[in-house]
Amino acid sequence: MMADDIYLDPTRESFDAFKALPRDVPINMLNLLRFRTDAEYPADHPNGQQNWTGARAYEEYGKTSGPIFKRVGGTIVWRGKMESMLIGPDDKQWDTSFIARYPNSGAFLEMITDPEYKKAVVNRQAAVQTSRLIRFGEIDGPDGFG
């Protein structure tokens, strides 16, 4: 994987664009994740001594960030495992995908600025080789493709 294919944290520009969107409407965040074979923790982090896989480090992230996610009103509305790339580049494979729903973007911002979340996110950074996090708003209208 080339360095320009690695996405772990938002850029300043993408985060500013996120914050400029309406904050008082429900949002859905599509998460696409590819894990490292072996988790990569900072040298001084206690979990670095565990010899965890990336998937195991992400489980730890879920355990430690989950209570904060729930407290701000977050829910997982869909979770799946990639089976096949039907349209798109064959080299983009994801170990897991899910949609996290927040009551509003303020709830997401509250979560990521929480001091306990900031401790928990070290597990995500150790676990993930690359990711995509895409905010979706909701569209009113009839069912169907139109």
N, C-alpha and C. Protein backbone atom coordinates (compact mmCIF):
# COMPACT_ATOMS: atom_id res chain seq x y z
N MET A 1 0.85 -1.18 0.00
CA MET A 1 0.00 0.00 0.00
C MET A 1 0.89 1.23 0.00
N MET A 2 0.56 2.17 -0.85
CA MET A 2 1.33 3.41 -0.95
C MET A 2 0.90 4.38 0.16
N ALA A 3 1.82 5.24 0.56
CA ALA A 3 1.55 6.18 1.65
C ALA A 3 0.34 7.07 1.34
N ASP A 4 0.11 7.38 0.06
CA ASP A 4 -1.03 8.25 -0.26
C ASP A 4 -2.36 7.50 -0.21
N ASP A 5 -2.34 6.20 0.08
CA ASP A 5 -3.57 5.42 0.26
C ASP A 5 -3.93 5.24 1.73
N ILE A 6 -3.19 5.88 2.62
CA ILE A 6 -3.41 5.71 4.05
C ILE A 6 -4.19 6.91 4.59
N TYR A 7 -5.36 6.61 5.15
CA TYR A 7 -6.21 7.64 5.72
C TYR A 7 -6.64 7.19 7.11
N LEU A 8 -6.15 7.89 8.14
CA LEU A 8 -6.48 7.53 9.51
C LEU A 8 -7.24 8.63 10.24
N ASP A 9 -6.89 9.87 9.95
CA ASP A 9 -7.49 11.01 10.63
C ASP A 9 -7.90 12.05 9.59
N PRO A 10 -8.88 12.89 9.92
CA PRO A 10 -9.30 13.92 8.96
C PRO A 10 -8.21 14.97 8.77
N THR A 11 -8.19 15.55 7.58
CA THR A 11 -7.32 16.71 7.35
C THR A 11 -8.00 17.92 7.98
N ARG A 12 -7.28 18.97 8.17
CA ARG A 12 -7.86 20.21 8.70
C ARG A 12 -8.98 20.69 7.77
N GLU A 13 -8.74 20.62 6.46
CA GLU A 13 -9.74 21.09 5.50
C GLU A 13 -11.02 20.25 5.55
N SER A 14 -10.88 18.92 5.60
CA SER A 14 -12.08 18.08 5.62
C SER A 14 -12.83 18.24 6.94
N PHE A 15 -12.11 18.44 8.04
CA PHE A 15 -12.77 18.63 9.33
C PHE A 15 -13.50 19.98 9.38
N ASP A 16 -12.87 21.00 8.80
CA ASP A 16 -13.54 22.31 8.74
C ASP A 16 -14.81 22.22 7.89
N ALA A 17 -14.76 21.49 6.77
CA ALA A 17 -15.94 21.32 5.92
C ALA A 17 -17.04 20.58 6.68
N PHE A 18 -16.67 19.56 7.46
CA PHE A 18 -17.63 18.82 8.28
C PHE A 18 -18.31 19.77 9.27
N LYS A 19 -17.50 20.58 9.96
CA LYS A 19 -18.04 21.49 10.97
C LYS A 19 -18.92 22.58 10.37
N ALA A 20 -18.73 22.90 9.09
CA ALA A 20 -19.52 23.94 8.43
C ALA A 20 -20.91 23.45 8.02
N LEU A 21 -21.12 22.13 8.00
CA LEU A 21 -22.42 21.57 7.64
C LEU A 21 -23.41 21.77 8.78
N PRO A 22 -24.71 21.66 8.50
CA PRO A 22 -25.71 21.82 9.56
C PRO A 22 -25.43 20.89 10.75
N ARG A 23 -25.56 21.44 11.94
CA ARG A 23 -25.23 20.68 13.15
C ARG A 23 -26.45 20.15 13.89
N ASP A 24 -27.64 20.52 13.46
CA ASP A 24 -28.84 20.19 14.23
C ASP A 24 -29.71 19.13 13.54
N VAL A 25 -29.13 18.34 12.64
CA VAL A 25 -29.87 17.29 11.95
C VAL A 25 -29.17 15.95 12.18
N PRO A 26 -29.92 14.86 12.15
CA PRO A 26 -29.29 13.54 12.30
C PRO A 26 -28.28 13.30 11.17
N ILE A 27 -27.20 12.60 11.50
CA ILE A 27 -26.20 12.24 10.49
C ILE A 27 -25.90 10.75 10.58
N ASN A 28 -25.50 10.22 9.45
CA ASN A 28 -25.07 8.83 9.35
C ASN A 28 -23.64 8.84 8.85
N MET A 29 -22.78 8.10 9.53
CA MET A 29 -21.37 8.06 9.17
C MET A 29 -21.00 6.66 8.69
N LEU A 30 -20.69 6.56 7.39
CA LEU A 30 -20.23 5.30 6.82
C LEU A 30 -18.75 5.13 7.17
N ASN A 31 -18.43 4.01 7.80
CA ASN A 31 -17.06 3.68 8.20
C ASN A 31 -16.60 2.49 7.38
N LEU A 32 -15.50 2.64 6.65
CA LEU A 32 -14.87 1.55 5.93
C LEU A 32 -13.48 1.37 6.53
N LEU A 33 -13.16 0.15 6.97
CA LEU A 33 -11.92 -0.06 7.71
C LEU A 33 -11.11 -1.23 7.16
N ARG A 34 -9.82 -1.02 7.02
CA ARG A 34 -8.89 -2.11 6.74
C ARG A 34 -7.90 -2.12 7.90
N PHE A 35 -7.75 -3.29 8.51
CA PHE A 35 -6.90 -3.41 9.69
C PHE A 35 -5.46 -3.75 9.32
N ARG A 36 -4.56 -3.35 10.19
CA ARG A 36 -3.17 -3.78 10.09
C ARG A 36 -3.11 -5.25 10.48
N THR A 37 -2.14 -5.96 9.98
CA THR A 37 -1.94 -7.34 10.41
C THR A 37 -1.62 -7.35 11.89
N ASP A 38 -0.66 -6.54 12.30
CA ASP A 38 -0.27 -6.39 13.70
C ASP A 38 -0.51 -4.95 14.13
N ALA A 39 -1.16 -4.77 15.27
CA ALA A 39 -1.41 -3.43 15.79
C ALA A 39 -0.08 -2.70 16.00
N GLU A 40 -0.10 -1.40 15.78
CA GLU A 40 1.10 -0.58 15.94
C GLU A 40 0.83 0.53 16.94
N TYR A 41 1.18 0.25 18.20
CA TYR A 41 0.99 1.21 19.29
C TYR A 41 2.24 2.05 19.47
N PRO A 42 2.09 3.26 20.05
CA PRO A 42 3.27 4.02 20.45
C PRO A 42 4.11 3.18 21.43
N ALA A 43 5.41 3.38 21.42
CA ALA A 43 6.31 2.55 22.23
C ALA A 43 5.96 2.55 23.71
N ASP A 44 5.43 3.66 24.22
CA ASP A 44 5.15 3.75 25.65
C ASP A 44 3.72 3.35 26.03
N HIS A 45 2.92 2.87 25.07
CA HIS A 45 1.53 2.51 25.37
C HIS A 45 1.47 1.08 25.91
N PRO A 46 0.75 0.86 27.03
CA PRO A 46 0.70 -0.49 27.62
C PRO A 46 0.12 -1.56 26.69
N ASN A 47 -0.83 -1.21 25.82
CA ASN A 47 -1.38 -2.22 24.92
C ASN A 47 -0.37 -2.67 23.87
N GLY A 48 0.68 -1.90 23.68
CA GLY A 48 1.72 -2.29 22.73
C GLY A 48 2.46 -3.54 23.14
N GLN A 49 2.39 -3.89 24.38
CA GLN A 49 3.05 -5.10 24.89
C GLN A 49 2.20 -6.36 24.68
N GLN A 50 0.98 -6.20 24.16
CA GLN A 50 0.05 -7.32 24.04
C GLN A 50 0.24 -8.16 22.78
N ASN A 51 0.99 -7.67 21.79
CA ASN A 51 1.13 -8.35 20.51
C ASN A 51 -0.22 -8.62 19.86
N TRP A 52 -1.08 -7.62 19.87
CA TRP A 52 -2.42 -7.75 19.31
C TRP A 52 -2.40 -7.60 17.80
N THR A 53 -3.37 -8.22 17.14
CA THR A 53 -3.61 -7.96 15.73
C THR A 53 -4.32 -6.62 15.62
N GLY A 54 -4.40 -6.10 14.41
CA GLY A 54 -5.17 -4.89 14.21
C GLY A 54 -6.63 -5.09 14.56
N ALA A 55 -7.19 -6.24 14.19
CA ALA A 55 -8.60 -6.52 14.51
C ALA A 55 -8.82 -6.55 16.01
N ARG A 56 -7.88 -7.12 16.76
CA ARG A 56 -8.03 -7.18 18.22
C ARG A 56 -7.92 -5.78 18.83
N ALA A 57 -7.02 -4.96 18.32
CA ALA A 57 -6.89 -3.58 18.82
C ALA A 57 -8.16 -2.79 18.53
N TYR A 58 -8.82 -3.06 17.39
CA TYR A 58 -10.06 -2.38 17.09
C TYR A 58 -11.18 -2.83 18.02
N GLU A 59 -11.18 -4.10 18.39
CA GLU A 59 -12.14 -4.57 19.40
C GLU A 59 -11.97 -3.77 20.69
N GLU A 60 -10.73 -3.54 21.09
CA GLU A 60 -10.45 -2.77 22.30
C GLU A 60 -10.96 -1.33 22.14
N TYR A 61 -10.78 -0.77 20.95
CA TYR A 61 -11.31 0.57 20.68
C TYR A 61 -12.83 0.57 20.87
N GLY A 62 -13.50 -0.45 20.36
CA GLY A 62 -14.95 -0.55 20.52
C GLY A 62 -15.37 -0.64 21.97
N LYS A 63 -14.63 -1.42 22.75
CA LYS A 63 -14.96 -1.55 24.18
C LYS A 63 -14.74 -0.26 24.94
N THR A 64 -13.68 0.46 24.62
CA THR A 64 -13.34 1.65 25.38
C THR A 64 -14.06 2.90 24.89
N SER A 65 -14.44 2.94 23.61
CA SER A 65 -15.15 4.11 23.09
C SER A 65 -16.66 3.91 23.08
N GLY A 66 -17.13 2.66 23.13
CA GLY A 66 -18.55 2.35 23.05
C GLY A 66 -19.42 3.08 24.06
N PRO A 67 -19.03 3.12 25.33
CA PRO A 67 -19.87 3.84 26.30
C PRO A 67 -20.01 5.34 25.98
N ILE A 68 -18.98 5.94 25.44
CA ILE A 68 -19.03 7.37 25.09
C ILE A 68 -19.94 7.54 23.87
N PHE A 69 -19.79 6.66 22.89
CA PHE A 69 -20.62 6.66 21.69
C PHE A 69 -22.11 6.56 22.07
N LYS A 70 -22.44 5.67 22.98
CA LYS A 70 -23.83 5.51 23.41
C LYS A 70 -24.31 6.72 24.21
N ARG A 71 -23.44 7.27 25.06
CA ARG A 71 -23.83 8.41 25.88
C ARG A 71 -24.22 9.61 25.04
N VAL A 72 -23.54 9.82 23.89
CA VAL A 72 -23.88 10.96 23.05
C VAL A 72 -25.06 10.68 22.12
N GLY A 73 -25.62 9.45 22.21
CA GLY A 73 -26.80 9.10 21.41
C GLY A 73 -26.49 8.35 20.14
N GLY A 74 -25.25 7.87 19.98
CA GLY A 74 -24.88 7.13 18.79
C GLY A 74 -25.43 5.71 18.79
N THR A 75 -25.77 5.23 17.60
CA THR A 75 -26.20 3.85 17.42
C THR A 75 -25.59 3.32 16.13
N ILE A 76 -25.38 2.02 16.09
CA ILE A 76 -24.95 1.37 14.85
C ILE A 76 -26.22 0.91 14.15
N VAL A 77 -26.45 1.39 12.94
CA VAL A 77 -27.68 1.03 12.22
C VAL A 77 -27.45 -0.07 11.21
N TRP A 78 -26.20 -0.34 10.86
CA TRP A 78 -25.87 -1.43 9.94
C TRP A 78 -24.40 -1.77 10.11
N ARG A 79 -24.08 -3.06 10.01
CA ARG A 79 -22.70 -3.53 10.07
C ARG A 79 -22.56 -4.65 9.04
N GLY A 80 -21.44 -4.70 8.35
CA GLY A 80 -21.25 -5.76 7.35
C GLY A 80 -19.79 -6.06 7.09
N LYS A 81 -19.58 -7.20 6.43
CA LYS A 81 -18.24 -7.63 6.02
C LYS A 81 -18.22 -7.64 4.51
N MET A 82 -17.22 -7.02 3.92
CA MET A 82 -17.10 -6.96 2.46
C MET A 82 -16.94 -8.36 1.90
N GLU A 83 -17.70 -8.63 0.85
CA GLU A 83 -17.62 -9.92 0.18
C GLU A 83 -17.06 -9.80 -1.23
N SER A 84 -17.36 -8.71 -1.93
CA SER A 84 -16.93 -8.58 -3.32
C SER A 84 -17.01 -7.12 -3.74
N MET A 85 -16.05 -6.68 -4.55
CA MET A 85 -16.08 -5.34 -5.16
C MET A 85 -16.73 -5.49 -6.52
N LEU A 86 -17.96 -5.05 -6.65
CA LEU A 86 -18.69 -5.16 -7.90
C LEU A 86 -18.38 -4.00 -8.84
N ILE A 87 -18.35 -2.79 -8.28
CA ILE A 87 -17.97 -1.60 -9.03
C ILE A 87 -16.94 -0.85 -8.18
N GLY A 88 -15.78 -0.65 -8.73
CA GLY A 88 -14.74 0.06 -7.99
C GLY A 88 -13.41 -0.66 -8.12
N PRO A 89 -12.37 -0.06 -7.58
CA PRO A 89 -11.03 -0.63 -7.72
C PRO A 89 -10.87 -1.92 -6.91
N ASP A 90 -10.31 -2.94 -7.57
CA ASP A 90 -10.11 -4.24 -6.92
C ASP A 90 -9.16 -4.17 -5.73
N ASP A 91 -8.27 -3.17 -5.72
CA ASP A 91 -7.30 -3.10 -4.64
C ASP A 91 -7.85 -2.43 -3.38
N LYS A 92 -9.08 -2.00 -3.40
CA LYS A 92 -9.69 -1.40 -2.21
C LYS A 92 -10.56 -2.45 -1.53
N GLN A 93 -10.04 -3.05 -0.52
CA GLN A 93 -10.74 -4.08 0.23
C GLN A 93 -10.91 -3.59 1.67
N TRP A 94 -12.04 -3.93 2.28
CA TRP A 94 -12.35 -3.47 3.63
C TRP A 94 -12.62 -4.67 4.51
N ASP A 95 -12.03 -4.67 5.70
CA ASP A 95 -12.24 -5.77 6.65
C ASP A 95 -13.60 -5.69 7.32
N THR A 96 -14.06 -4.49 7.56
CA THR A 96 -15.39 -4.30 8.16
C THR A 96 -15.93 -2.94 7.74
N SER A 97 -17.24 -2.85 7.74
CA SER A 97 -17.92 -1.60 7.40
C SER A 97 -19.12 -1.47 8.32
N PHE A 98 -19.46 -0.23 8.64
CA PHE A 98 -20.67 0.00 9.42
C PHE A 98 -21.14 1.43 9.23
N ILE A 99 -22.41 1.64 9.56
CA ILE A 99 -22.98 2.98 9.56
C ILE A 99 -23.33 3.33 11.01
N ALA A 100 -22.70 4.39 11.49
CA ALA A 100 -22.99 4.91 12.83
C ALA A 100 -23.92 6.11 12.67
N ARG A 101 -25.00 6.10 13.42
CA ARG A 101 -25.96 7.21 13.37
C ARG A 101 -25.81 8.04 14.64
N TYR A 102 -25.80 9.35 14.45
CA TYR A 102 -25.73 10.30 15.56
C TYR A 102 -26.95 11.19 15.49
N PRO A 103 -27.48 11.63 16.63
CA PRO A 103 -28.65 12.51 16.62
C PRO A 103 -28.37 13.84 15.91
N ASN A 104 -27.09 14.24 15.90
CA ASN A 104 -26.67 15.45 15.20
C ASN A 104 -25.14 15.47 15.19
N SER A 105 -24.56 16.37 14.41
CA SER A 105 -23.10 16.40 14.35
C SER A 105 -22.49 16.90 15.65
N GLY A 106 -23.25 17.65 16.43
CA GLY A 106 -22.76 18.07 17.74
C GLY A 106 -22.45 16.87 18.63
N ALA A 107 -23.26 15.82 18.51
CA ALA A 107 -23.02 14.61 19.30
C ALA A 107 -21.70 13.95 18.87
N PHE A 108 -21.44 13.90 17.57
CA PHE A 108 -20.18 13.35 17.07
C PHE A 108 -19.01 14.19 17.60
N LEU A 109 -19.13 15.51 17.51
CA LEU A 109 -18.06 16.39 18.00
C LEU A 109 -17.86 16.24 19.50
N GLU A 110 -18.96 16.07 20.24
CA GLU A 110 -18.85 15.85 21.68
C GLU A 110 -18.07 14.57 21.97
N MET A 111 -18.36 13.51 21.19
CA MET A 111 -17.66 12.24 21.40
C MET A 111 -16.16 12.38 21.15
N ILE A 112 -15.79 12.96 20.01
CA ILE A 112 -14.36 12.96 19.67
C ILE A 112 -13.54 13.94 20.51
N THR A 113 -14.20 14.85 21.22
CA THR A 113 -13.47 15.76 22.10
C THR A 113 -13.49 15.31 23.56
N ASP A 114 -14.21 14.24 23.85
CA ASP A 114 -14.28 13.70 25.21
C ASP A 114 -12.88 13.20 25.63
N PRO A 115 -12.40 13.55 26.82
CA PRO A 115 -11.06 13.12 27.26
C PRO A 115 -10.89 11.59 27.28
N GLU A 116 -11.94 10.86 27.65
CA GLU A 116 -11.83 9.39 27.66
C GLU A 116 -11.80 8.84 26.24
N TYR A 117 -12.51 9.47 25.32
CA TYR A 117 -12.47 9.05 23.93
C TYR A 117 -11.07 9.26 23.36
N LYS A 118 -10.45 10.38 23.71
CA LYS A 118 -9.10 10.65 23.22
C LYS A 118 -8.12 9.56 23.66
N LYS A 119 -8.34 8.98 24.82
CA LYS A 119 -7.52 7.85 25.27
C LYS A 119 -7.86 6.60 24.46
N ALA A 120 -9.14 6.38 24.21
CA ALA A 120 -9.59 5.18 23.50
C ALA A 120 -9.15 5.18 22.04
N VAL A 121 -9.09 6.34 21.40
CA VAL A 121 -8.81 6.40 19.98
C VAL A 121 -7.39 5.92 19.64
N VAL A 122 -6.51 5.84 20.62
CA VAL A 122 -5.17 5.29 20.39
C VAL A 122 -5.30 3.86 19.88
N ASN A 123 -6.30 3.12 20.39
CA ASN A 123 -6.52 1.75 19.92
C ASN A 123 -6.93 1.73 18.44
N ARG A 124 -7.76 2.68 18.04
CA ARG A 124 -8.16 2.75 16.63
C ARG A 124 -6.95 3.06 15.75
N GLN A 125 -6.15 4.00 16.18
CA GLN A 125 -4.98 4.38 15.39
C GLN A 125 -3.98 3.23 15.29
N ALA A 126 -3.88 2.43 16.33
CA ALA A 126 -2.99 1.27 16.30
C ALA A 126 -3.54 0.17 15.40
N ALA A 127 -4.86 0.08 15.31
CA ALA A 127 -5.53 -1.02 14.62
C ALA A 127 -5.64 -0.84 13.12
N VAL A 128 -5.90 0.39 12.69
CA VAL A 128 -6.34 0.65 11.32
C VAL A 128 -5.17 0.97 10.39
N GLN A 129 -5.14 0.25 9.28
CA GLN A 129 -4.15 0.52 8.24
C GLN A 129 -4.60 1.70 7.37
N THR A 130 -5.87 1.68 7.00
CA THR A 130 -6.47 2.79 6.27
C THR A 130 -7.98 2.73 6.47
N SER A 131 -8.64 3.85 6.24
CA SER A 131 -10.08 3.90 6.48
C SER A 131 -10.71 5.00 5.65
N ARG A 132 -12.02 4.98 5.62
CA ARG A 132 -12.81 6.07 5.07
C ARG A 132 -13.93 6.34 6.06
N LEU A 133 -14.21 7.60 6.28
CA LEU A 133 -15.30 8.01 7.16
C LEU A 133 -16.08 9.07 6.39
N ILE A 134 -17.32 8.73 6.02
CA ILE A 134 -18.09 9.58 5.12
C ILE A 134 -19.40 9.96 5.80
N ARG A 135 -19.64 11.25 5.92
CA ARG A 135 -20.88 11.74 6.50
C ARG A 135 -21.96 11.78 5.43
N PHE A 136 -23.14 11.26 5.80
CA PHE A 136 -24.31 11.33 4.93
C PHE A 136 -25.44 12.01 5.67
N GLY A 137 -26.10 12.91 4.99
CA GLY A 137 -27.34 13.49 5.49
C GLY A 137 -28.49 12.65 4.96
N GLU A 138 -29.68 12.99 5.39
CA GLU A 138 -30.85 12.25 4.95
C GLU A 138 -31.60 13.04 3.89
N ILE A 139 -32.23 12.32 2.96
CA ILE A 139 -33.00 12.93 1.88
C ILE A 139 -34.45 12.49 2.05
N ASP A 140 -35.34 13.46 2.10
CA ASP A 140 -36.77 13.15 2.14
C ASP A 140 -37.26 12.86 0.73
N GLY A 141 -38.20 11.96 0.63
CA GLY A 141 -38.78 11.68 -0.67
C GLY A 141 -39.30 10.27 -0.73
N PRO A 142 -39.86 9.90 -1.87
CA PRO A 142 -40.42 8.56 -2.01
C PRO A 142 -39.32 7.49 -2.04
N ASP A 143 -39.72 6.28 -1.71
CA ASP A 143 -38.78 5.16 -1.81
C ASP A 143 -38.42 4.96 -3.27
N GLY A 144 -37.26 4.42 -3.52
CA GLY A 144 -36.85 4.16 -4.89
C GLY A 144 -35.55 4.89 -5.21
N PHE A 145 -35.18 4.84 -6.46
CA PHE A 145 -33.91 5.41 -6.89
C PHE A 145 -34.01 6.86 -7.29
N GLY A 146 -35.21 7.36 -7.53
CA GLY A 146 -35.40 8.71 -8.06
C GLY A 146 -35.19 9.79 -7.05
